[in-house]
């Protein structure tokens, strides 16, 4: 009888210990789940434009910060899922930009569309998997000469990816000195109409005259569609207060801006890096909640390139492989995007 009682007590004791261990394990798991960082997509979801700001699914004003890849036909080695994953993990990006080279050189989209499309789709797939936003960019200075190709490309992208909240369309990278009213606005409207057949929600960014700097010219004749932003590009060692004043005119007129490309170098992509001016620009973008992508993830021998020659296309870049520009931007990204690091 005593043995039976002892056995019962022992079973109860062991059950109590097991229960405590189980409860302890559940608490640890709960704490781990609560401490898990949500991705930017999980946090912001579907983006839209309200007035001069980009807002998230909860109508909060947001600001994306990230990196642009170089022209796809010349730096295709970085158009990989691995590079996108590394930029999210190690640089803290919340957006990447796939700059598909449209018409420069015989390796561009016009001459080999399937090859260049595949590069862009890899980046887009990588961004969706990584939980970051992705800009699909028609990277040209003469897009009005390729309207039908542009419509066809963006219709395909919208059909393939239009249900994903990650997608941002940039339908003309940098127009030259052509009229907003006569050339650029009609071009944008034609491409937008094609996109909206398949994607009614995602943001479309429209290039502006003079390398996407004259954002003030859209004030009197904006595109009459929802979720439209306008492209502002700058290189901080060349473009200074005068361009910020132009941008301010647009902002004050309720025009939404998106800096899809900027550099901390001169406009040539080379020359000096003006650290003070770069910081003034970053302060201006933060004050106005303007999203941005830095130019560029490339190992070209120029000041605006983020990587030194020979850096691998799969990420995992050491500090020694990152240029002065790359280090500046990476530090800014990691500091400002801490919620998603």
C-alpha atoms as a PDB file:
ATOM      1  CA  UNK A   1       0.000   0.000   0.000  1.00  0.00           C
ATOM      2  CA  UNK A   2       2.837   2.367   0.931  1.00  0.00           C
ATOM      3  CA  UNK A   3       4.515   1.577  -2.393  1.00  0.00           C
ATOM      4  CA  UNK A   4       1.335   2.427  -4.274  1.00  0.00           C
ATOM      5  CA  UNK A   5       0.980   5.746  -2.425  1.00  0.00           C
ATOM      6  CA  UNK A   6       4.635   6.589  -3.083  1.00  0.00           C
ATOM      7  CA  UNK A   7       4.154   5.819  -6.780  1.00  0.00           C
ATOM      8  CA  UNK A   8       1.103   8.083  -6.950  1.00  0.00           C
ATOM      9  CA  UNK A   9       2.973  10.947  -5.250  1.00  0.00           C
ATOM     10  CA  UNK A  10       5.944  10.486  -7.597  1.00  0.00           C
ATOM     11  CA  UNK A  11       3.724  10.596 -10.706  1.00  0.00           C
ATOM     12  CA  UNK A  12       2.014  13.752  -9.437  1.00  0.00           C
ATOM     13  CA  UNK A  13       5.372  15.354  -8.670  1.00  0.00           C
ATOM     14  CA  UNK A  14       6.783  14.557 -12.099  1.00  0.00           C
ATOM     15  CA  UNK A  15       3.603  15.853 -13.745  1.00  0.00           C
ATOM     16  CA  UNK A  16       3.929  19.122 -11.856  1.00  0.00           C
ATOM     17  CA  UNK A  17       7.524  19.532 -13.011  1.00  0.00           C
ATOM     18  CA  UNK A  18       6.554  18.729 -16.579  1.00  0.00           C
ATOM     19  CA  UNK A  19       3.749  21.272 -16.429  1.00  0.00           C
ATOM     20  CA  UNK A  20       6.102  23.965 -15.118  1.00  0.00           C
ATOM     21  CA  UNK A  21       8.589  23.219 -17.888  1.00  0.00           C
ATOM     22  CA  UNK A  22       5.815  23.380 -20.460  1.00  0.00           C
ATOM     23  CA  UNK A  23       4.534  26.687 -19.094  1.00  0.00           C
ATOM     24  CA  UNK A  24       8.075  28.068 -19.030  1.00  0.00           C
ATOM     25  CA  UNK A  25       8.607  27.002 -22.633  1.00  0.00           C
ATOM     26  CA  UNK A  26       5.333  28.642 -23.666  1.00  0.00           C
ATOM     27  CA  UNK A  27       6.379  31.916 -21.994  1.00  0.00           C
ATOM     28  CA  UNK A  28       9.758  31.905 -23.769  1.00  0.00           C
ATOM     29  CA  UNK A  29       8.089  31.174 -27.114  1.00  0.00           C
ATOM     30  CA  UNK A  30       5.571  33.967 -26.540  1.00  0.00           C
ATOM     31  CA  UNK A  31       8.354  36.422 -25.688  1.00  0.00           C
ATOM     32  CA  UNK A  32      10.276  35.369 -28.796  1.00  0.00           C
ATOM     33  CA  UNK A  33       7.171  35.861 -30.977  1.00  0.00           C
ATOM     34  CA  UNK A  34       6.492  39.279 -29.457  1.00  0.00           C
ATOM     35  CA  UNK A  35      10.095  40.376 -29.993  1.00  0.00           C
ATOM     36  CA  UNK A  36      10.085  39.310 -33.660  1.00  0.00           C
ATOM     37  CA  UNK A  37      10.488  42.331 -35.941  1.00  0.00           C
ATOM     38  CA  UNK A  38       7.676  42.694 -38.448  1.00  0.00           C
ATOM     39  CA  UNK A  39       8.735  43.332 -42.030  1.00  0.00           C
ATOM     40  CA  UNK A  40       7.983  46.690 -43.617  1.00  0.00           C
ATOM     41  CA  UNK A  41       5.288  45.045 -45.747  1.00  0.00           C
ATOM     42  CA  UNK A  42       3.639  43.476 -42.697  1.00  0.00           C
ATOM     43  CA  UNK A  43       3.733  46.864 -40.983  1.00  0.00           C
ATOM     44  CA  UNK A  44       2.760  49.253 -43.784  1.00  0.00           C
ATOM     45  CA  UNK A  45       0.874  47.024 -46.230  1.00  0.00           C
ATOM     46  CA  UNK A  46      -0.864  48.674 -49.182  1.00  0.00           C
ATOM     47  CA  UNK A  47       0.504  52.165 -49.818  1.00  0.00           C
ATOM     48  CA  UNK A  48      -1.390  55.081 -51.306  1.00  0.00           C
ATOM     49  CA  UNK A  49      -0.988  58.814 -51.895  1.00  0.00           C
ATOM     50  CA  UNK A  50      -2.852  61.426 -49.886  1.00  0.00           C
ATOM     51  CA  UNK A  51      -2.068  65.022 -50.742  1.00  0.00           C
ATOM     52  CA  UNK A  52       1.712  65.414 -50.804  1.00  0.00           C
ATOM     53  CA  UNK A  53       2.403  62.329 -48.679  1.00  0.00           C
ATOM     54  CA  UNK A  54       2.577  58.563 -49.040  1.00  0.00           C
ATOM     55  CA  UNK A  55       0.493  56.755 -46.439  1.00  0.00           C
ATOM     56  CA  UNK A  56       0.235  53.144 -45.269  1.00  0.00           C
ATOM     57  CA  UNK A  57      -2.722  50.806 -44.805  1.00  0.00           C
ATOM     58  CA  UNK A  58      -3.597  52.562 -41.522  1.00  0.00           C
ATOM     59  CA  UNK A  59      -3.460  56.054 -43.088  1.00  0.00           C
ATOM     60  CA  UNK A  60      -0.182  56.882 -41.359  1.00  0.00           C
ATOM     61  CA  UNK A  61       2.373  58.968 -43.267  1.00  0.00           C
ATOM     62  CA  UNK A  62       5.417  56.834 -44.050  1.00  0.00           C
ATOM     63  CA  UNK A  63       8.880  57.220 -45.563  1.00  0.00           C
ATOM     64  CA  UNK A  64      10.747  54.454 -47.384  1.00  0.00           C
ATOM     65  CA  UNK A  65      14.548  54.401 -47.649  1.00  0.00           C
ATOM     66  CA  UNK A  66      16.612  52.056 -49.755  1.00  0.00           C
ATOM     67  CA  UNK A  67      18.964  51.362 -52.637  1.00  0.00           C
ATOM     68  CA  UNK A  68      18.711  51.464 -56.393  1.00  0.00           C
ATOM     69  CA  UNK A  69      20.476  48.941 -58.547  1.00  0.00           C
ATOM     70  CA  UNK A  70      22.511  50.183 -61.534  1.00  0.00           C
ATOM     71  CA  UNK A  71      21.417  49.917 -65.194  1.00  0.00           C
ATOM     72  CA  UNK A  72      20.399  46.269 -65.594  1.00  0.00           C
ATOM     73  CA  UNK A  73      22.237  45.691 -68.869  1.00  0.00           C
ATOM     74  CA  UNK A  74      25.575  46.761 -67.356  1.00  0.00           C
ATOM     75  CA  UNK A  75      25.379  45.539 -63.748  1.00  0.00           C
ATOM     76  CA  UNK A  76      23.145  42.494 -64.018  1.00  0.00           C
ATOM     77  CA  UNK A  77      25.257  40.528 -61.532  1.00  0.00           C
ATOM     78  CA  UNK A  78      23.477  42.365 -58.691  1.00  0.00           C
ATOM     79  CA  UNK A  79      19.983  41.517 -59.923  1.00  0.00           C
ATOM     80  CA  UNK A  80      19.711  38.555 -57.562  1.00  0.00           C
ATOM     81  CA  UNK A  81      17.450  37.498 -54.723  1.00  0.00           C
ATOM     82  CA  UNK A  82      20.545  37.077 -52.565  1.00  0.00           C
ATOM     83  CA  UNK A  83      21.589  40.698 -53.065  1.00  0.00           C
ATOM     84  CA  UNK A  84      18.086  41.886 -52.133  1.00  0.00           C
ATOM     85  CA  UNK A  85      18.076  39.692 -49.014  1.00  0.00           C
ATOM     86  CA  UNK A  86      21.479  41.065 -47.968  1.00  0.00           C
ATOM     87  CA  UNK A  87      20.389  44.654 -48.501  1.00  0.00           C
ATOM     88  CA  UNK A  88      17.447  44.027 -46.205  1.00  0.00           C
ATOM     89  CA  UNK A  89      19.392  42.095 -43.590  1.00  0.00           C
ATOM     90  CA  UNK A  90      22.642  44.054 -43.445  1.00  0.00           C
ATOM     91  CA  UNK A  91      21.790  47.499 -44.825  1.00  0.00           C
ATOM     92  CA  UNK A  92      18.256  47.749 -43.441  1.00  0.00           C
ATOM     93  CA  UNK A  93      16.556  48.810 -46.683  1.00  0.00           C
ATOM     94  CA  UNK A  94      12.780  49.045 -46.845  1.00  0.00           C
ATOM     95  CA  UNK A  95      12.734  49.478 -50.638  1.00  0.00           C
ATOM     96  CA  UNK A  96      14.899  48.444 -53.586  1.00  0.00           C
ATOM     97  CA  UNK A  97      14.808  49.749 -57.147  1.00  0.00           C
ATOM     98  CA  UNK A  98      15.297  47.634 -60.256  1.00  0.00           C
ATOM     99  CA  UNK A  99      16.584  50.017 -62.941  1.00  0.00           C
ATOM    100  CA  UNK A 100      15.861  48.186 -66.171  1.00  0.00           C
ATOM    101  CA  UNK A 101      17.969  49.705 -68.939  1.00  0.00           C
ATOM    102  CA  UNK A 102      15.560  50.368 -71.794  1.00  0.00           C
ATOM    103  CA  UNK A 103      17.454  51.644 -74.797  1.00  0.00           C
ATOM    104  CA  UNK A 104      21.140  52.300 -74.047  1.00  0.00           C
ATOM    105  CA  UNK A 105      23.393  49.820 -75.854  1.00  0.00           C
ATOM    106  CA  UNK A 106      22.704  46.545 -77.638  1.00  0.00           C
ATOM    107  CA  UNK A 107      22.200  44.658 -74.352  1.00  0.00           C
ATOM    108  CA  UNK A 108      19.253  46.835 -73.279  1.00  0.00           C
ATOM    109  CA  UNK A 109      15.567  45.872 -73.117  1.00  0.00           C
ATOM    110  CA  UNK A 110      14.734  47.050 -76.628  1.00  0.00           C
ATOM    111  CA  UNK A 111      17.210  44.565 -78.087  1.00  0.00           C
ATOM    112  CA  UNK A 112      16.771  41.652 -75.673  1.00  0.00           C
ATOM    113  CA  UNK A 113      13.563  42.101 -73.688  1.00  0.00           C
ATOM    114  CA  UNK A 114      13.268  38.615 -72.212  1.00  0.00           C
ATOM    115  CA  UNK A 115      16.744  38.692 -70.664  1.00  0.00           C
ATOM    116  CA  UNK A 116      16.285  42.112 -69.067  1.00  0.00           C
ATOM    117  CA  UNK A 117      12.748  41.289 -67.886  1.00  0.00           C
ATOM    118  CA  UNK A 118      14.021  38.156 -66.187  1.00  0.00           C
ATOM    119  CA  UNK A 119      16.573  40.201 -64.230  1.00  0.00           C
ATOM    120  CA  UNK A 120      13.907  42.622 -63.040  1.00  0.00           C
ATOM    121  CA  UNK A 121      11.514  39.812 -62.132  1.00  0.00           C
ATOM    122  CA  UNK A 122      14.236  38.163 -60.016  1.00  0.00           C
ATOM    123  CA  UNK A 123      14.626  41.366 -58.027  1.00  0.00           C
ATOM    124  CA  UNK A 124      10.866  41.764 -57.678  1.00  0.00           C
ATOM    125  CA  UNK A 125      10.482  38.172 -56.495  1.00  0.00           C
ATOM    126  CA  UNK A 126      13.361  38.674 -54.076  1.00  0.00           C
ATOM    127  CA  UNK A 127      11.781  41.822 -52.654  1.00  0.00           C
ATOM    128  CA  UNK A 128       8.425  40.095 -52.155  1.00  0.00           C
ATOM    129  CA  UNK A 129      10.137  37.217 -50.349  1.00  0.00           C
ATOM    130  CA  UNK A 130      12.154  39.658 -48.231  1.00  0.00           C
ATOM    131  CA  UNK A 131       9.083  41.681 -47.287  1.00  0.00           C
ATOM    132  CA  UNK A 132      10.306  44.993 -48.731  1.00  0.00           C
ATOM    133  CA  UNK A 133       8.915  47.323 -51.388  1.00  0.00           C
ATOM    134  CA  UNK A 134      10.318  47.296 -54.915  1.00  0.00           C
ATOM    135  CA  UNK A 135      10.342  49.975 -57.592  1.00  0.00           C
ATOM    136  CA  UNK A 136      10.231  48.650 -61.142  1.00  0.00           C
ATOM    137  CA  UNK A 137      11.877  51.409 -63.153  1.00  0.00           C
ATOM    138  CA  UNK A 138      11.713  52.073 -66.919  1.00  0.00           C
ATOM    139  CA  UNK A 139      15.260  53.407 -66.921  1.00  0.00           C
ATOM    140  CA  UNK A 140      15.473  55.675 -69.956  1.00  0.00           C
ATOM    141  CA  UNK A 141      16.091  59.276 -70.996  1.00  0.00           C
ATOM    142  CA  UNK A 142      13.928  58.902 -74.111  1.00  0.00           C
ATOM    143  CA  UNK A 143      10.907  56.860 -72.998  1.00  0.00           C
ATOM    144  CA  UNK A 144       8.521  58.859 -75.184  1.00  0.00           C
ATOM    145  CA  UNK A 145      10.229  57.190 -78.158  1.00  0.00           C
ATOM    146  CA  UNK A 146       9.257  53.757 -76.791  1.00  0.00           C
ATOM    147  CA  UNK A 147       5.661  54.301 -75.690  1.00  0.00           C
ATOM    148  CA  UNK A 148       4.264  51.050 -77.064  1.00  0.00           C
ATOM    149  CA  UNK A 149       7.107  49.027 -75.534  1.00  0.00           C
ATOM    150  CA  UNK A 150       6.557  50.762 -72.214  1.00  0.00           C
ATOM    151  CA  UNK A 151       2.810  50.071 -72.255  1.00  0.00           C
ATOM    152  CA  UNK A 152       3.406  46.432 -73.081  1.00  0.00           C
ATOM    153  CA  UNK A 153       6.039  45.994 -70.374  1.00  0.00           C
ATOM    154  CA  UNK A 154       4.042  47.630 -67.595  1.00  0.00           C
ATOM    155  CA  UNK A 155       0.879  45.792 -68.571  1.00  0.00           C
ATOM    156  CA  UNK A 156       2.803  42.524 -68.198  1.00  0.00           C
ATOM    157  CA  UNK A 157       4.226  43.602 -64.840  1.00  0.00           C
ATOM    158  CA  UNK A 158       0.811  44.703 -63.579  1.00  0.00           C
ATOM    159  CA  UNK A 159      -0.807  41.414 -64.627  1.00  0.00           C
ATOM    160  CA  UNK A 160       1.977  39.402 -63.003  1.00  0.00           C
ATOM    161  CA  UNK A 161       2.493  41.406 -59.802  1.00  0.00           C
ATOM    162  CA  UNK A 162      -0.411  43.848 -59.472  1.00  0.00           C
ATOM    163  CA  UNK A 163      -1.950  41.976 -56.529  1.00  0.00           C
ATOM    164  CA  UNK A 164       1.224  42.422 -54.465  1.00  0.00           C
ATOM    165  CA  UNK A 165       1.345  45.508 -52.202  1.00  0.00           C
ATOM    166  CA  UNK A 166       5.150  45.578 -52.589  1.00  0.00           C
ATOM    167  CA  UNK A 167       5.077  46.982 -56.122  1.00  0.00           C
ATOM    168  CA  UNK A 168       5.790  50.608 -57.079  1.00  0.00           C
ATOM    169  CA  UNK A 169       5.865  51.557 -60.767  1.00  0.00           C
ATOM    170  CA  UNK A 170       8.345  54.148 -62.036  1.00  0.00           C
ATOM    171  CA  UNK A 171       7.346  54.651 -65.637  1.00  0.00           C
ATOM    172  CA  UNK A 172       9.981  57.148 -66.824  1.00  0.00           C
ATOM    173  CA  UNK A 173      13.312  57.496 -65.075  1.00  0.00           C
ATOM    174  CA  UNK A 174      14.795  60.805 -66.265  1.00  0.00           C
ATOM    175  CA  UNK A 175      13.275  62.785 -69.128  1.00  0.00           C
ATOM    176  CA  UNK A 176      15.534  65.362 -70.733  1.00  0.00           C
ATOM    177  CA  UNK A 177      14.476  68.860 -71.809  1.00  0.00           C
ATOM    178  CA  UNK A 178      11.031  67.996 -73.141  1.00  0.00           C
ATOM    179  CA  UNK A 179       7.672  69.597 -72.415  1.00  0.00           C
ATOM    180  CA  UNK A 180       5.633  68.374 -69.445  1.00  0.00           C
ATOM    181  CA  UNK A 181       2.342  69.415 -71.071  1.00  0.00           C
ATOM    182  CA  UNK A 182       3.000  68.211 -74.626  1.00  0.00           C
ATOM    183  CA  UNK A 183       5.258  65.173 -74.187  1.00  0.00           C
ATOM    184  CA  UNK A 184       5.557  63.883 -70.637  1.00  0.00           C
ATOM    185  CA  UNK A 185       2.021  64.101 -69.304  1.00  0.00           C
ATOM    186  CA  UNK A 186       0.471  62.365 -72.370  1.00  0.00           C
ATOM    187  CA  UNK A 187       3.133  59.644 -72.166  1.00  0.00           C
ATOM    188  CA  UNK A 188       2.436  59.061 -68.467  1.00  0.00           C
ATOM    189  CA  UNK A 189      -1.322  59.017 -68.957  1.00  0.00           C
ATOM    190  CA  UNK A 190      -1.059  56.383 -71.687  1.00  0.00           C
ATOM    191  CA  UNK A 191       1.125  54.082 -69.558  1.00  0.00           C
ATOM    192  CA  UNK A 192      -0.969  54.662 -66.434  1.00  0.00           C
ATOM    193  CA  UNK A 193      -4.110  53.678 -68.337  1.00  0.00           C
ATOM    194  CA  UNK A 194      -2.462  50.382 -69.271  1.00  0.00           C
ATOM    195  CA  UNK A 195      -1.323  49.650 -65.703  1.00  0.00           C
ATOM    196  CA  UNK A 196      -4.725  50.459 -64.222  1.00  0.00           C
ATOM    197  CA  UNK A 197      -6.386  47.813 -66.383  1.00  0.00           C
ATOM    198  CA  UNK A 198      -4.749  45.240 -64.105  1.00  0.00           C
ATOM    199  CA  UNK A 199      -3.674  47.110 -60.960  1.00  0.00           C
ATOM    200  CA  UNK A 200      -5.938  49.780 -59.517  1.00  0.00           C
ATOM    201  CA  UNK A 201      -4.046  50.409 -56.294  1.00  0.00           C
ATOM    202  CA  UNK A 202      -0.268  50.483 -56.347  1.00  0.00           C
ATOM    203  CA  UNK A 203       1.605  53.774 -56.560  1.00  0.00           C
ATOM    204  CA  UNK A 204       2.884  55.034 -59.912  1.00  0.00           C
ATOM    205  CA  UNK A 205       5.811  57.480 -59.965  1.00  0.00           C
ATOM    206  CA  UNK A 206       6.099  59.819 -62.959  1.00  0.00           C
ATOM    207  CA  UNK A 207       9.299  61.399 -64.238  1.00  0.00           C
ATOM    208  CA  UNK A 208       9.609  65.166 -64.665  1.00  0.00           C
ATOM    209  CA  UNK A 209      11.522  67.458 -67.020  1.00  0.00           C
ATOM    210  CA  UNK A 210      15.307  67.942 -66.868  1.00  0.00           C
ATOM    211  CA  UNK A 211      16.473  64.665 -65.332  1.00  0.00           C
ATOM    212  CA  UNK A 212      13.412  64.604 -63.046  1.00  0.00           C
ATOM    213  CA  UNK A 213      14.098  67.913 -61.355  1.00  0.00           C
ATOM    214  CA  UNK A 214      11.355  70.285 -62.527  1.00  0.00           C
ATOM    215  CA  UNK A 215       8.673  68.927 -60.237  1.00  0.00           C
ATOM    216  CA  UNK A 216       7.216  72.436 -60.003  1.00  0.00           C
ATOM    217  CA  UNK A 217       5.962  72.203 -63.601  1.00  0.00           C
ATOM    218  CA  UNK A 218       3.293  69.655 -62.682  1.00  0.00           C
ATOM    219  CA  UNK A 219       1.607  72.063 -60.253  1.00  0.00           C
ATOM    220  CA  UNK A 220      -0.600  73.709 -62.874  1.00  0.00           C
ATOM    221  CA  UNK A 221      -1.249  70.514 -64.830  1.00  0.00           C
ATOM    222  CA  UNK A 222      -1.146  67.420 -62.604  1.00  0.00           C
ATOM    223  CA  UNK A 223      -2.165  63.934 -63.651  1.00  0.00           C
ATOM    224  CA  UNK A 224      -5.803  63.363 -62.678  1.00  0.00           C
ATOM    225  CA  UNK A 225      -5.440  59.873 -61.240  1.00  0.00           C
ATOM    226  CA  UNK A 226      -5.213  58.402 -57.751  1.00  0.00           C
ATOM    227  CA  UNK A 227      -1.973  57.239 -56.144  1.00  0.00           C
ATOM    228  CA  UNK A 228       0.385  59.244 -58.336  1.00  0.00           C
ATOM    229  CA  UNK A 229       3.716  60.644 -57.161  1.00  0.00           C
ATOM    230  CA  UNK A 230       6.340  62.578 -59.107  1.00  0.00           C
ATOM    231  CA  UNK A 231      10.029  61.863 -59.468  1.00  0.00           C
ATOM    232  CA  UNK A 232      12.675  64.125 -57.939  1.00  0.00           C
ATOM    233  CA  UNK A 233      16.333  63.261 -58.569  1.00  0.00           C
ATOM    234  CA  UNK A 234      19.392  64.994 -57.150  1.00  0.00           C
ATOM    235  CA  UNK A 235      23.131  64.620 -56.635  1.00  0.00           C
ATOM    236  CA  UNK A 236      24.030  66.429 -53.457  1.00  0.00           C
ATOM    237  CA  UNK A 237      27.412  67.791 -54.561  1.00  0.00           C
ATOM    238  CA  UNK A 238      25.772  69.450 -57.598  1.00  0.00           C
ATOM    239  CA  UNK A 239      22.137  70.175 -56.727  1.00  0.00           C
ATOM    240  CA  UNK A 240      21.694  72.293 -53.630  1.00  0.00           C
ATOM    241  CA  UNK A 241      19.279  74.875 -52.239  1.00  0.00           C
ATOM    242  CA  UNK A 242      17.913  75.930 -55.634  1.00  0.00           C
ATOM    243  CA  UNK A 243      16.561  72.430 -56.264  1.00  0.00           C
ATOM    244  CA  UNK A 244      15.235  72.150 -52.716  1.00  0.00           C
ATOM    245  CA  UNK A 245      13.371  75.414 -53.329  1.00  0.00           C
ATOM    246  CA  UNK A 246      11.803  73.919 -56.485  1.00  0.00           C
ATOM    247  CA  UNK A 247      10.816  70.831 -54.508  1.00  0.00           C
ATOM    248  CA  UNK A 248       9.307  73.008 -51.778  1.00  0.00           C
ATOM    249  CA  UNK A 249       7.104  74.780 -54.332  1.00  0.00           C
ATOM    250  CA  UNK A 250       5.708  71.411 -55.389  1.00  0.00           C
ATOM    251  CA  UNK A 251       5.248  70.182 -51.822  1.00  0.00           C
ATOM    252  CA  UNK A 252       3.415  73.379 -50.860  1.00  0.00           C
ATOM    253  CA  UNK A 253       1.108  72.812 -53.835  1.00  0.00           C
ATOM    254  CA  UNK A 254       0.208  69.357 -52.494  1.00  0.00           C
ATOM    255  CA  UNK A 255       2.357  67.439 -54.999  1.00  0.00           C
ATOM    256  CA  UNK A 256       3.657  64.092 -53.713  1.00  0.00           C
ATOM    257  CA  UNK A 257       7.365  63.543 -54.433  1.00  0.00           C
ATOM    258  CA  UNK A 258       9.474  60.385 -54.466  1.00  0.00           C
ATOM    259  CA  UNK A 259      13.278  60.539 -54.760  1.00  0.00           C
ATOM    260  CA  UNK A 260      13.740  57.310 -56.678  1.00  0.00           C
ATOM    261  CA  UNK A 261      17.391  58.173 -57.319  1.00  0.00           C
ATOM    262  CA  UNK A 262      19.987  60.388 -55.650  1.00  0.00           C
ATOM    263  CA  UNK A 263      23.719  60.368 -55.127  1.00  0.00           C
ATOM    264  CA  UNK A 264      26.094  61.876 -52.579  1.00  0.00           C
ATOM    265  CA  UNK A 265      28.505  62.627 -55.448  1.00  0.00           C
ATOM    266  CA  UNK A 266      28.360  65.116 -58.301  1.00  0.00           C
ATOM    267  CA  UNK A 267      25.726  64.645 -61.019  1.00  0.00           C
ATOM    268  CA  UNK A 268      28.305  62.925 -63.233  1.00  0.00           C
ATOM    269  CA  UNK A 269      28.417  60.096 -60.711  1.00  0.00           C
ATOM    270  CA  UNK A 270      31.982  61.089 -59.911  1.00  0.00           C
ATOM    271  CA  UNK A 271      33.800  64.009 -58.322  1.00  0.00           C
ATOM    272  CA  UNK A 272      33.772  65.122 -54.711  1.00  0.00           C
ATOM    273  CA  UNK A 273      31.417  63.909 -52.007  1.00  0.00           C
ATOM    274  CA  UNK A 274      29.964  66.860 -50.113  1.00  0.00           C
ATOM    275  CA  UNK A 275      29.116  65.298 -46.760  1.00  0.00           C
ATOM    276  CA  UNK A 276      27.578  68.470 -45.357  1.00  0.00           C
ATOM    277  CA  UNK A 277      25.249  68.908 -48.341  1.00  0.00           C
ATOM    278  CA  UNK A 278      24.334  65.217 -48.286  1.00  0.00           C
ATOM    279  CA  UNK A 279      23.165  65.616 -44.697  1.00  0.00           C
ATOM    280  CA  UNK A 280      21.207  68.782 -45.532  1.00  0.00           C
ATOM    281  CA  UNK A 281      19.366  66.822 -48.206  1.00  0.00           C
ATOM    282  CA  UNK A 282      18.649  63.919 -45.838  1.00  0.00           C
ATOM    283  CA  UNK A 283      17.252  66.375 -43.279  1.00  0.00           C
ATOM    284  CA  UNK A 284      15.055  67.920 -45.992  1.00  0.00           C
ATOM    285  CA  UNK A 285      13.706  64.508 -47.053  1.00  0.00           C
ATOM    286  CA  UNK A 286      13.025  63.522 -43.438  1.00  0.00           C
ATOM    287  CA  UNK A 287      11.260  66.795 -42.653  1.00  0.00           C
ATOM    288  CA  UNK A 288       8.966  66.328 -45.636  1.00  0.00           C
ATOM    289  CA  UNK A 289       8.612  62.529 -45.328  1.00  0.00           C
ATOM    290  CA  UNK A 290       9.936  61.971 -48.846  1.00  0.00           C
ATOM    291  CA  UNK A 291      10.953  58.394 -49.659  1.00  0.00           C
ATOM    292  CA  UNK A 292      14.295  57.725 -51.341  1.00  0.00           C
ATOM    293  CA  UNK A 293      16.630  55.283 -53.074  1.00  0.00           C
ATOM    294  CA  UNK A 294      20.363  55.849 -53.367  1.00  0.00           C
ATOM    295  CA  UNK A 295      22.255  55.382 -56.622  1.00  0.00           C
ATOM    296  CA  UNK A 296      23.630  52.750 -56.704  1.00  0.00           C
ATOM    297  CA  UNK A 297      24.462  49.116 -55.972  1.00  0.00           C
ATOM    298  CA  UNK A 298      27.290  48.839 -58.482  1.00  0.00           C
ATOM    299  CA  UNK A 299      31.015  48.112 -58.448  1.00  0.00           C
ATOM    300  CA  UNK A 300      31.806  50.678 -61.115  1.00  0.00           C
ATOM    301  CA  UNK A 301      34.851  52.839 -60.468  1.00  0.00           C
ATOM    302  CA  UNK A 302      32.991  56.044 -59.669  1.00  0.00           C
ATOM    303  CA  UNK A 303      32.114  58.017 -56.557  1.00  0.00           C
ATOM    304  CA  UNK A 304      28.394  57.210 -56.561  1.00  0.00           C
ATOM    305  CA  UNK A 305      28.935  53.427 -56.654  1.00  0.00           C
ATOM    306  CA  UNK A 306      28.298  51.716 -53.324  1.00  0.00           C
ATOM    307  CA  UNK A 307      30.777  48.892 -53.933  1.00  0.00           C
ATOM    308  CA  UNK A 308      34.386  48.531 -54.978  1.00  0.00           C
ATOM    309  CA  UNK A 309      35.198  46.542 -58.147  1.00  0.00           C
ATOM    310  CA  UNK A 310      34.809  42.803 -57.738  1.00  0.00           C
ATOM    311  CA  UNK A 311      32.190  42.757 -54.958  1.00  0.00           C
ATOM    312  CA  UNK A 312      30.039  39.641 -55.293  1.00  0.00           C
ATOM    313  CA  UNK A 313      26.524  39.718 -56.711  1.00  0.00           C
ATOM    314  CA  UNK A 314      25.153  37.705 -53.808  1.00  0.00           C
ATOM    315  CA  UNK A 315      25.725  40.255 -51.047  1.00  0.00           C
ATOM    316  CA  UNK A 316      27.730  39.413 -47.916  1.00  0.00           C
ATOM    317  CA  UNK A 317      29.918  42.437 -48.638  1.00  0.00           C
ATOM    318  CA  UNK A 318      32.681  43.125 -46.160  1.00  0.00           C
ATOM    319  CA  UNK A 319      33.416  46.629 -44.938  1.00  0.00           C
ATOM    320  CA  UNK A 320      36.461  46.707 -47.215  1.00  0.00           C
ATOM    321  CA  UNK A 321      34.227  46.128 -50.262  1.00  0.00           C
ATOM    322  CA  UNK A 322      31.986  49.134 -49.535  1.00  0.00           C
ATOM    323  CA  UNK A 323      32.932  52.584 -50.859  1.00  0.00           C
ATOM    324  CA  UNK A 324      32.783  55.926 -49.043  1.00  0.00           C
ATOM    325  CA  UNK A 325      29.371  56.585 -50.608  1.00  0.00           C
ATOM    326  CA  UNK A 326      28.178  53.085 -49.707  1.00  0.00           C
ATOM    327  CA  UNK A 327      29.279  53.434 -46.092  1.00  0.00           C
ATOM    328  CA  UNK A 328      27.573  56.814 -45.728  1.00  0.00           C
ATOM    329  CA  UNK A 329      24.279  55.525 -47.100  1.00  0.00           C
ATOM    330  CA  UNK A 330      24.413  52.208 -45.256  1.00  0.00           C
ATOM    331  CA  UNK A 331      24.912  54.068 -41.960  1.00  0.00           C
ATOM    332  CA  UNK A 332      21.973  56.354 -42.750  1.00  0.00           C
ATOM    333  CA  UNK A 333      19.767  53.385 -43.618  1.00  0.00           C
ATOM    334  CA  UNK A 334      20.630  51.418 -40.487  1.00  0.00           C
ATOM    335  CA  UNK A 335      20.062  54.448 -38.273  1.00  0.00           C
ATOM    336  CA  UNK A 336      16.788  55.619 -39.823  1.00  0.00           C
ATOM    337  CA  UNK A 337      15.230  52.197 -40.563  1.00  0.00           C
ATOM    338  CA  UNK A 338      15.840  50.715 -37.115  1.00  0.00           C
ATOM    339  CA  UNK A 339      12.214  49.578 -36.773  1.00  0.00           C
ATOM    340  CA  UNK A 340      12.855  46.990 -39.469  1.00  0.00           C
ATOM    341  CA  UNK A 341      16.482  45.977 -38.729  1.00  0.00           C
END
